[in-house]
Amino acid sequence: MKTRKTIAVAFIVLSVILGVVFYLKIDYPENFVGYFKKSYYGQFGPLAICVELLVAAIYLFMGHEKCNFALALFAFTALSDILFNLTGIFISGVPNYAMVLFFVCAMVSLWIAFSNVFNLGRITLAWAITSFILGNAIEFYFNYF
């Protein structure tokens, strides 16, 4: 239990710090039309990953039964962002230092989610596939559409 809460607090602190950094980097348009451009919405991709990490970390801290799904969703979103950026499918708004931190958190999250280390309820194959599809959909929304 102590290890679970320690990991959760570390994830919460990291997500809040990176979330504030990403929020402060958002450029707001000067006119009304600017709010409807892809370049404006694309800025929120890194912030969305931080929110996913924050929600998963809160679930992990509380020991909620949906924790493993939330961790898998965050991990698939973060890993697909890194993978799509490395392959050149699109340019990610996540800086390199944050990609490294997200990669480490994603690996830990996948390990927790799929091995059920803290006995919070095993993630089913259907929920694993759903989290993979949702994670990729979130990435495509903020970076491609």
N, C-alpha and C. Protein backbone atom coordinates (compact mmCIF):
# COMPACT_ATOMS: atom_id res chain seq x y z
N MET A 1 0.83 -1.19 0.00
CA MET A 1 0.00 0.00 0.00
C MET A 1 0.87 1.25 0.00
N LYS A 2 1.97 1.21 0.72
CA LYS A 2 2.85 2.37 0.77
C LYS A 2 3.47 2.63 -0.60
N THR A 3 3.86 1.57 -1.30
CA THR A 3 4.45 1.72 -2.62
C THR A 3 3.42 2.28 -3.60
N ARG A 4 2.19 1.80 -3.53
CA ARG A 4 1.13 2.28 -4.42
C ARG A 4 0.90 3.77 -4.24
N LYS A 5 0.83 4.21 -3.01
CA LYS A 5 0.58 5.63 -2.75
C LYS A 5 1.80 6.49 -3.10
N THR A 6 2.99 5.95 -2.93
CA THR A 6 4.20 6.69 -3.31
C THR A 6 4.24 6.91 -4.82
N ILE A 7 3.96 5.87 -5.58
CA ILE A 7 3.93 6.00 -7.03
C ILE A 7 2.82 6.97 -7.44
N ALA A 8 1.68 6.87 -6.80
CA ALA A 8 0.56 7.76 -7.12
C ALA A 8 0.90 9.22 -6.84
N VAL A 9 1.53 9.49 -5.71
CA VAL A 9 1.91 10.87 -5.37
C VAL A 9 2.95 11.39 -6.36
N ALA A 10 3.89 10.55 -6.75
CA ALA A 10 4.89 10.97 -7.74
C ALA A 10 4.22 11.30 -9.07
N PHE A 11 3.27 10.49 -9.49
CA PHE A 11 2.53 10.76 -10.73
C PHE A 11 1.72 12.05 -10.61
N ILE A 12 1.10 12.26 -9.46
CA ILE A 12 0.30 13.48 -9.26
C ILE A 12 1.18 14.71 -9.33
N VAL A 13 2.29 14.69 -8.64
CA VAL A 13 3.21 15.84 -8.64
C VAL A 13 3.72 16.12 -10.05
N LEU A 14 4.13 15.07 -10.74
CA LEU A 14 4.64 15.23 -12.10
C LEU A 14 3.56 15.77 -13.03
N SER A 15 2.36 15.25 -12.94
CA SER A 15 1.29 15.71 -13.83
C SER A 15 0.91 17.16 -13.55
N VAL A 16 0.90 17.55 -12.30
CA VAL A 16 0.55 18.94 -11.98
C VAL A 16 1.65 19.89 -12.46
N ILE A 17 2.91 19.55 -12.22
CA ILE A 17 4.01 20.42 -12.64
C ILE A 17 4.03 20.56 -14.16
N LEU A 18 3.98 19.42 -14.87
CA LEU A 18 3.99 19.49 -16.33
C LEU A 18 2.73 20.14 -16.86
N GLY A 19 1.60 19.91 -16.21
CA GLY A 19 0.35 20.54 -16.63
C GLY A 19 0.41 22.06 -16.54
N VAL A 20 1.01 22.57 -15.48
CA VAL A 20 1.15 24.02 -15.33
C VAL A 20 2.09 24.56 -16.40
N VAL A 21 3.19 23.86 -16.66
CA VAL A 21 4.14 24.29 -17.69
C VAL A 21 3.46 24.32 -19.05
N PHE A 22 2.72 23.27 -19.37
CA PHE A 22 2.04 23.22 -20.67
C PHE A 22 0.93 24.26 -20.77
N TYR A 23 0.23 24.49 -19.68
CA TYR A 23 -0.85 25.48 -19.68
C TYR A 23 -0.29 26.88 -19.92
N LEU A 24 0.85 27.18 -19.32
CA LEU A 24 1.44 28.51 -19.49
C LEU A 24 1.99 28.73 -20.90
N LYS A 25 2.21 27.68 -21.64
CA LYS A 25 2.73 27.80 -23.01
C LYS A 25 1.62 27.94 -24.06
N ILE A 26 0.37 27.89 -23.65
CA ILE A 26 -0.73 27.99 -24.61
C ILE A 26 -0.85 29.44 -25.08
N ASP A 27 -0.89 29.61 -26.40
CA ASP A 27 -1.08 30.93 -27.00
C ASP A 27 -2.54 31.09 -27.36
N TYR A 28 -3.16 32.12 -26.81
CA TYR A 28 -4.57 32.37 -27.08
C TYR A 28 -4.68 33.30 -28.29
N PRO A 29 -5.64 33.03 -29.16
CA PRO A 29 -5.78 33.86 -30.37
C PRO A 29 -6.26 35.27 -30.04
N GLU A 30 -5.94 36.16 -30.96
CA GLU A 30 -6.33 37.56 -30.77
C GLU A 30 -7.74 37.86 -31.25
N ASN A 31 -8.24 37.02 -32.17
CA ASN A 31 -9.59 37.25 -32.67
C ASN A 31 -10.42 35.99 -32.49
N PHE A 32 -11.70 36.12 -32.75
CA PHE A 32 -12.65 35.03 -32.53
C PHE A 32 -12.41 33.85 -33.47
N VAL A 33 -11.98 34.11 -34.68
CA VAL A 33 -11.77 33.07 -35.68
C VAL A 33 -10.63 32.14 -35.26
N GLY A 34 -9.67 32.64 -34.55
CA GLY A 34 -8.52 31.85 -34.13
C GLY A 34 -8.87 30.69 -33.22
N TYR A 35 -10.00 30.78 -32.54
CA TYR A 35 -10.42 29.70 -31.64
C TYR A 35 -10.89 28.46 -32.40
N PHE A 36 -11.12 28.59 -33.69
CA PHE A 36 -11.62 27.48 -34.48
C PHE A 36 -10.57 26.88 -35.41
N LYS A 37 -9.31 27.18 -35.18
CA LYS A 37 -8.23 26.65 -36.00
C LYS A 37 -7.57 25.46 -35.31
N LYS A 38 -7.05 24.56 -36.12
CA LYS A 38 -6.39 23.37 -35.62
C LYS A 38 -5.16 23.71 -34.77
N SER A 39 -4.46 24.76 -35.15
CA SER A 39 -3.26 25.14 -34.40
C SER A 39 -3.58 25.52 -32.95
N TYR A 40 -4.77 26.04 -32.72
CA TYR A 40 -5.16 26.38 -31.36
C TYR A 40 -5.45 25.12 -30.54
N TYR A 41 -6.22 24.21 -31.10
CA TYR A 41 -6.59 23.00 -30.36
C TYR A 41 -5.42 22.05 -30.19
N GLY A 42 -4.48 22.06 -31.11
CA GLY A 42 -3.30 21.20 -31.02
C GLY A 42 -2.44 21.50 -29.81
N GLN A 43 -2.53 22.71 -29.30
CA GLN A 43 -1.75 23.09 -28.12
C GLN A 43 -2.19 22.36 -26.85
N PHE A 44 -3.40 21.83 -26.86
CA PHE A 44 -3.94 21.20 -25.66
C PHE A 44 -3.60 19.72 -25.55
N GLY A 45 -2.93 19.15 -26.55
CA GLY A 45 -2.55 17.74 -26.52
C GLY A 45 -1.68 17.37 -25.33
N PRO A 46 -0.57 18.10 -25.10
CA PRO A 46 0.25 17.78 -23.92
C PRO A 46 -0.50 17.94 -22.61
N LEU A 47 -1.37 18.93 -22.56
CA LEU A 47 -2.17 19.14 -21.34
C LEU A 47 -3.15 17.99 -21.13
N ALA A 48 -3.70 17.44 -22.20
CA ALA A 48 -4.61 16.30 -22.09
C ALA A 48 -3.89 15.07 -21.55
N ILE A 49 -2.64 14.87 -21.96
CA ILE A 49 -1.87 13.75 -21.43
C ILE A 49 -1.64 13.93 -19.93
N CYS A 50 -1.37 15.16 -19.52
CA CYS A 50 -1.19 15.42 -18.08
C CYS A 50 -2.47 15.17 -17.30
N VAL A 51 -3.59 15.53 -17.87
CA VAL A 51 -4.87 15.29 -17.19
C VAL A 51 -5.13 13.80 -17.07
N GLU A 52 -4.82 13.04 -18.13
CA GLU A 52 -4.98 11.58 -18.04
C GLU A 52 -4.09 10.99 -16.95
N LEU A 53 -2.85 11.46 -16.87
CA LEU A 53 -1.94 10.97 -15.82
C LEU A 53 -2.47 11.35 -14.45
N LEU A 54 -2.99 12.56 -14.31
CA LEU A 54 -3.52 13.00 -13.02
C LEU A 54 -4.71 12.14 -12.58
N VAL A 55 -5.63 11.88 -13.50
CA VAL A 55 -6.80 11.06 -13.16
C VAL A 55 -6.37 9.64 -12.79
N ALA A 56 -5.45 9.08 -13.57
CA ALA A 56 -4.97 7.72 -13.28
C ALA A 56 -4.26 7.68 -11.93
N ALA A 57 -3.49 8.71 -11.63
CA ALA A 57 -2.77 8.76 -10.36
C ALA A 57 -3.72 8.89 -9.17
N ILE A 58 -4.77 9.67 -9.34
CA ILE A 58 -5.76 9.80 -8.26
C ILE A 58 -6.46 8.47 -8.03
N TYR A 59 -6.84 7.80 -9.12
CA TYR A 59 -7.43 6.46 -8.99
C TYR A 59 -6.47 5.50 -8.29
N LEU A 60 -5.19 5.58 -8.66
CA LEU A 60 -4.19 4.70 -8.04
C LEU A 60 -4.05 5.01 -6.56
N PHE A 61 -4.05 6.27 -6.21
CA PHE A 61 -3.93 6.67 -4.81
C PHE A 61 -5.11 6.16 -3.98
N MET A 62 -6.31 6.27 -4.56
CA MET A 62 -7.50 5.83 -3.83
C MET A 62 -7.67 4.32 -3.86
N GLY A 63 -7.00 3.66 -4.77
CA GLY A 63 -7.16 2.22 -4.91
C GLY A 63 -8.46 1.86 -5.61
N HIS A 64 -8.88 2.72 -6.52
CA HIS A 64 -10.14 2.54 -7.24
C HIS A 64 -10.03 1.38 -8.23
N GLU A 65 -11.14 0.71 -8.48
CA GLU A 65 -11.14 -0.46 -9.36
C GLU A 65 -10.90 -0.10 -10.83
N LYS A 66 -11.13 1.14 -11.22
CA LYS A 66 -10.89 1.58 -12.60
C LYS A 66 -9.47 2.10 -12.81
N CYS A 67 -8.64 1.93 -11.82
CA CYS A 67 -7.27 2.42 -11.87
C CYS A 67 -6.48 1.83 -13.03
N ASN A 68 -6.58 0.53 -13.22
CA ASN A 68 -5.80 -0.12 -14.26
C ASN A 68 -6.21 0.35 -15.66
N PHE A 69 -7.49 0.58 -15.88
CA PHE A 69 -7.94 1.11 -17.18
C PHE A 69 -7.38 2.52 -17.40
N ALA A 70 -7.46 3.37 -16.38
CA ALA A 70 -6.96 4.74 -16.51
C ALA A 70 -5.45 4.76 -16.74
N LEU A 71 -4.73 3.89 -16.06
CA LEU A 71 -3.28 3.81 -16.27
C LEU A 71 -2.96 3.34 -17.68
N ALA A 72 -3.69 2.35 -18.18
CA ALA A 72 -3.46 1.87 -19.54
C ALA A 72 -3.81 2.94 -20.56
N LEU A 73 -4.88 3.68 -20.33
CA LEU A 73 -5.26 4.75 -21.24
C LEU A 73 -4.17 5.81 -21.31
N PHE A 74 -3.68 6.25 -20.15
CA PHE A 74 -2.58 7.22 -20.15
C PHE A 74 -1.36 6.67 -20.88
N ALA A 75 -1.00 5.44 -20.58
CA ALA A 75 0.21 4.86 -21.17
C ALA A 75 0.10 4.76 -22.68
N PHE A 76 -1.03 4.31 -23.18
CA PHE A 76 -1.19 4.19 -24.63
C PHE A 76 -1.20 5.56 -25.30
N THR A 77 -1.78 6.56 -24.65
CA THR A 77 -1.79 7.91 -25.22
C THR A 77 -0.37 8.47 -25.27
N ALA A 78 0.36 8.35 -24.17
CA ALA A 78 1.72 8.88 -24.11
C ALA A 78 2.65 8.15 -25.07
N LEU A 79 2.55 6.84 -25.13
CA LEU A 79 3.41 6.06 -26.01
C LEU A 79 3.09 6.30 -27.48
N SER A 80 1.81 6.46 -27.80
CA SER A 80 1.48 6.74 -29.20
C SER A 80 1.95 8.13 -29.60
N ASP A 81 1.91 9.10 -28.68
CA ASP A 81 2.44 10.42 -28.97
C ASP A 81 3.93 10.34 -29.29
N ILE A 82 4.66 9.60 -28.50
CA ILE A 82 6.10 9.44 -28.71
C ILE A 82 6.36 8.69 -30.01
N LEU A 83 5.64 7.61 -30.24
CA LEU A 83 5.85 6.80 -31.44
C LEU A 83 5.52 7.58 -32.71
N PHE A 84 4.39 8.28 -32.72
CA PHE A 84 4.01 9.04 -33.90
C PHE A 84 4.98 10.19 -34.16
N ASN A 85 5.52 10.77 -33.10
CA ASN A 85 6.51 11.83 -33.27
C ASN A 85 7.82 11.27 -33.84
N LEU A 86 8.26 10.14 -33.32
CA LEU A 86 9.51 9.54 -33.80
C LEU A 86 9.42 9.05 -35.24
N THR A 87 8.26 8.55 -35.63
CA THR A 87 8.10 8.05 -36.99
C THR A 87 7.79 9.16 -37.98
N GLY A 88 7.50 10.35 -37.51
CA GLY A 88 7.25 11.49 -38.39
C GLY A 88 5.83 11.59 -38.88
N ILE A 89 4.91 10.85 -38.28
CA ILE A 89 3.50 10.94 -38.69
C ILE A 89 2.97 12.34 -38.39
N PHE A 90 3.34 12.88 -37.24
CA PHE A 90 3.05 14.26 -36.93
C PHE A 90 4.07 14.78 -35.93
N ILE A 91 4.12 16.08 -35.79
CA ILE A 91 5.04 16.72 -34.85
C ILE A 91 4.28 16.93 -33.55
N SER A 92 4.83 16.39 -32.49
CA SER A 92 4.19 16.49 -31.19
C SER A 92 4.50 17.82 -30.53
N GLY A 93 3.55 18.29 -29.73
CA GLY A 93 3.75 19.51 -28.97
C GLY A 93 4.43 19.26 -27.63
N VAL A 94 4.72 17.99 -27.34
CA VAL A 94 5.35 17.63 -26.08
C VAL A 94 6.88 17.82 -26.23
N PRO A 95 7.50 18.60 -25.35
CA PRO A 95 8.95 18.76 -25.42
C PRO A 95 9.68 17.45 -25.11
N ASN A 96 10.95 17.37 -25.49
CA ASN A 96 11.72 16.14 -25.34
C ASN A 96 11.84 15.70 -23.88
N TYR A 97 12.06 16.64 -22.96
CA TYR A 97 12.19 16.27 -21.55
C TYR A 97 10.90 15.66 -21.02
N ALA A 98 9.76 16.18 -21.48
CA ALA A 98 8.48 15.63 -21.04
C ALA A 98 8.22 14.27 -21.68
N MET A 99 8.70 14.08 -22.91
CA MET A 99 8.55 12.77 -23.56
C MET A 99 9.28 11.70 -22.77
N VAL A 100 10.47 12.02 -22.30
CA VAL A 100 11.23 11.05 -21.50
C VAL A 100 10.48 10.74 -20.21
N LEU A 101 9.98 11.77 -19.54
CA LEU A 101 9.23 11.55 -18.29
C LEU A 101 7.95 10.77 -18.55
N PHE A 102 7.24 11.11 -19.62
CA PHE A 102 6.02 10.37 -19.96
C PHE A 102 6.33 8.92 -20.32
N PHE A 103 7.46 8.69 -20.99
CA PHE A 103 7.82 7.32 -21.34
C PHE A 103 8.05 6.48 -20.09
N VAL A 104 8.77 7.03 -19.13
CA VAL A 104 9.01 6.31 -17.88
C VAL A 104 7.70 6.06 -17.14
N CYS A 105 6.87 7.07 -17.05
CA CYS A 105 5.57 6.91 -16.38
C CYS A 105 4.69 5.90 -17.12
N ALA A 106 4.75 5.91 -18.45
CA ALA A 106 3.93 4.98 -19.24
C ALA A 106 4.38 3.54 -19.03
N MET A 107 5.68 3.32 -18.96
CA MET A 107 6.17 1.97 -18.72
C MET A 107 5.74 1.46 -17.34
N VAL A 108 5.85 2.32 -16.34
CA VAL A 108 5.41 1.95 -14.99
C VAL A 108 3.90 1.71 -14.98
N SER A 109 3.16 2.56 -15.68
CA SER A 109 1.71 2.42 -15.74
C SER A 109 1.29 1.12 -16.41
N LEU A 110 1.94 0.78 -17.52
CA LEU A 110 1.61 -0.49 -18.19
C LEU A 110 1.94 -1.68 -17.30
N TRP A 111 3.06 -1.59 -16.61
CA TRP A 111 3.44 -2.67 -15.70
C TRP A 111 2.39 -2.85 -14.60
N ILE A 112 1.96 -1.74 -14.00
CA ILE A 112 0.95 -1.80 -12.94
C ILE A 112 -0.38 -2.31 -13.50
N ALA A 113 -0.78 -1.78 -14.66
CA ALA A 113 -2.09 -2.11 -15.22
C ALA A 113 -2.21 -3.57 -15.63
N PHE A 114 -1.18 -4.09 -16.30
CA PHE A 114 -1.31 -5.43 -16.85
C PHE A 114 -0.83 -6.54 -15.92
N SER A 115 -0.04 -6.21 -14.93
CA SER A 115 0.38 -7.25 -13.99
C SER A 115 -0.47 -7.26 -12.73
N ASN A 116 -1.30 -6.23 -12.56
CA ASN A 116 -2.19 -6.13 -11.40
C ASN A 116 -1.39 -6.24 -10.10
N VAL A 117 -0.34 -5.47 -10.01
CA VAL A 117 0.58 -5.51 -8.88
C VAL A 117 -0.11 -5.23 -7.55
N PHE A 118 -1.02 -4.28 -7.56
CA PHE A 118 -1.64 -3.84 -6.31
C PHE A 118 -3.02 -4.45 -6.09
N ASN A 119 -3.35 -5.49 -6.83
CA ASN A 119 -4.62 -6.21 -6.68
C ASN A 119 -5.84 -5.29 -6.71
N LEU A 120 -5.89 -4.46 -7.73
CA LEU A 120 -7.00 -3.53 -7.87
C LEU A 120 -8.02 -3.99 -8.90
N GLY A 121 -7.90 -5.19 -9.35
CA GLY A 121 -8.81 -5.70 -10.36
C GLY A 121 -8.12 -5.82 -11.69
N ARG A 122 -8.05 -6.99 -12.20
CA ARG A 122 -7.35 -7.26 -13.45
C ARG A 122 -8.05 -6.57 -14.62
N ILE A 123 -7.29 -6.00 -15.52
CA ILE A 123 -7.85 -5.36 -16.70
C ILE A 123 -8.17 -6.44 -17.72
N THR A 124 -9.36 -6.38 -18.28
CA THR A 124 -9.77 -7.39 -19.24
C THR A 124 -9.22 -7.05 -20.62
N LEU A 125 -9.26 -8.01 -21.50
CA LEU A 125 -8.78 -7.79 -22.86
C LEU A 125 -9.61 -6.72 -23.56
N ALA A 126 -10.91 -6.73 -23.33
CA ALA A 126 -11.79 -5.73 -23.96
C ALA A 126 -11.44 -4.32 -23.49
N TRP A 127 -11.18 -4.15 -22.19
CA TRP A 127 -10.82 -2.83 -21.67
C TRP A 127 -9.43 -2.43 -22.11
N ALA A 128 -8.53 -3.38 -22.28
CA ALA A 128 -7.18 -3.07 -22.78
C ALA A 128 -7.26 -2.57 -24.22
N ILE A 129 -8.07 -3.24 -25.04
CA ILE A 129 -8.23 -2.81 -26.42
C ILE A 129 -8.93 -1.45 -26.48
N THR A 130 -9.92 -1.26 -25.64
CA THR A 130 -10.61 0.03 -25.58
C THR A 130 -9.67 1.15 -25.18
N SER A 131 -8.82 0.92 -24.20
CA SER A 131 -7.87 1.96 -23.79
C SER A 131 -6.86 2.25 -24.89
N PHE A 132 -6.46 1.23 -25.65
CA PHE A 132 -5.55 1.43 -26.78
C PHE A 132 -6.22 2.27 -27.86
N ILE A 133 -7.46 1.95 -28.19
CA ILE A 133 -8.18 2.70 -29.23
C ILE A 133 -8.43 4.14 -28.78
N LEU A 134 -8.86 4.33 -27.55
CA LEU A 134 -9.11 5.68 -27.04
C LEU A 134 -7.83 6.50 -26.96
N GLY A 135 -6.73 5.88 -26.54
CA GLY A 135 -5.46 6.59 -26.47
C GLY A 135 -5.01 7.08 -27.83
N ASN A 136 -5.15 6.23 -28.84
CA ASN A 136 -4.79 6.65 -30.19
C ASN A 136 -5.75 7.69 -30.74
N ALA A 137 -7.03 7.57 -30.42
CA ALA A 137 -8.01 8.55 -30.86
C ALA A 137 -7.72 9.93 -30.27
N ILE A 138 -7.34 9.96 -29.02
CA ILE A 138 -6.99 11.23 -28.38
C ILE A 138 -5.78 11.86 -29.07
N GLU A 139 -4.79 11.05 -29.37
CA GLU A 139 -3.59 11.56 -30.05
C GLU A 139 -3.92 12.07 -31.44
N PHE A 140 -4.72 11.34 -32.18
CA PHE A 140 -5.08 11.79 -33.53
C PHE A 140 -5.93 13.06 -33.48
N TYR A 141 -6.77 13.18 -32.46
CA TYR A 141 -7.60 14.38 -32.35
C TYR A 141 -6.74 15.63 -32.18
N PHE A 142 -5.79 15.57 -31.29
CA PHE A 142 -4.99 16.76 -31.00
C PHE A 142 -3.88 17.01 -32.01
N ASN A 143 -3.48 16.01 -32.77
CA ASN A 143 -2.33 16.19 -33.64
C ASN A 143 -2.62 16.05 -35.13
N TYR A 144 -3.70 15.41 -35.49
CA TYR A 144 -3.92 15.15 -36.90
C TYR A 144 -5.16 15.86 -37.45
N PHE A 145 -6.26 15.81 -36.72
CA PHE A 145 -7.51 16.37 -37.25
C PHE A 145 -7.58 17.85 -37.09
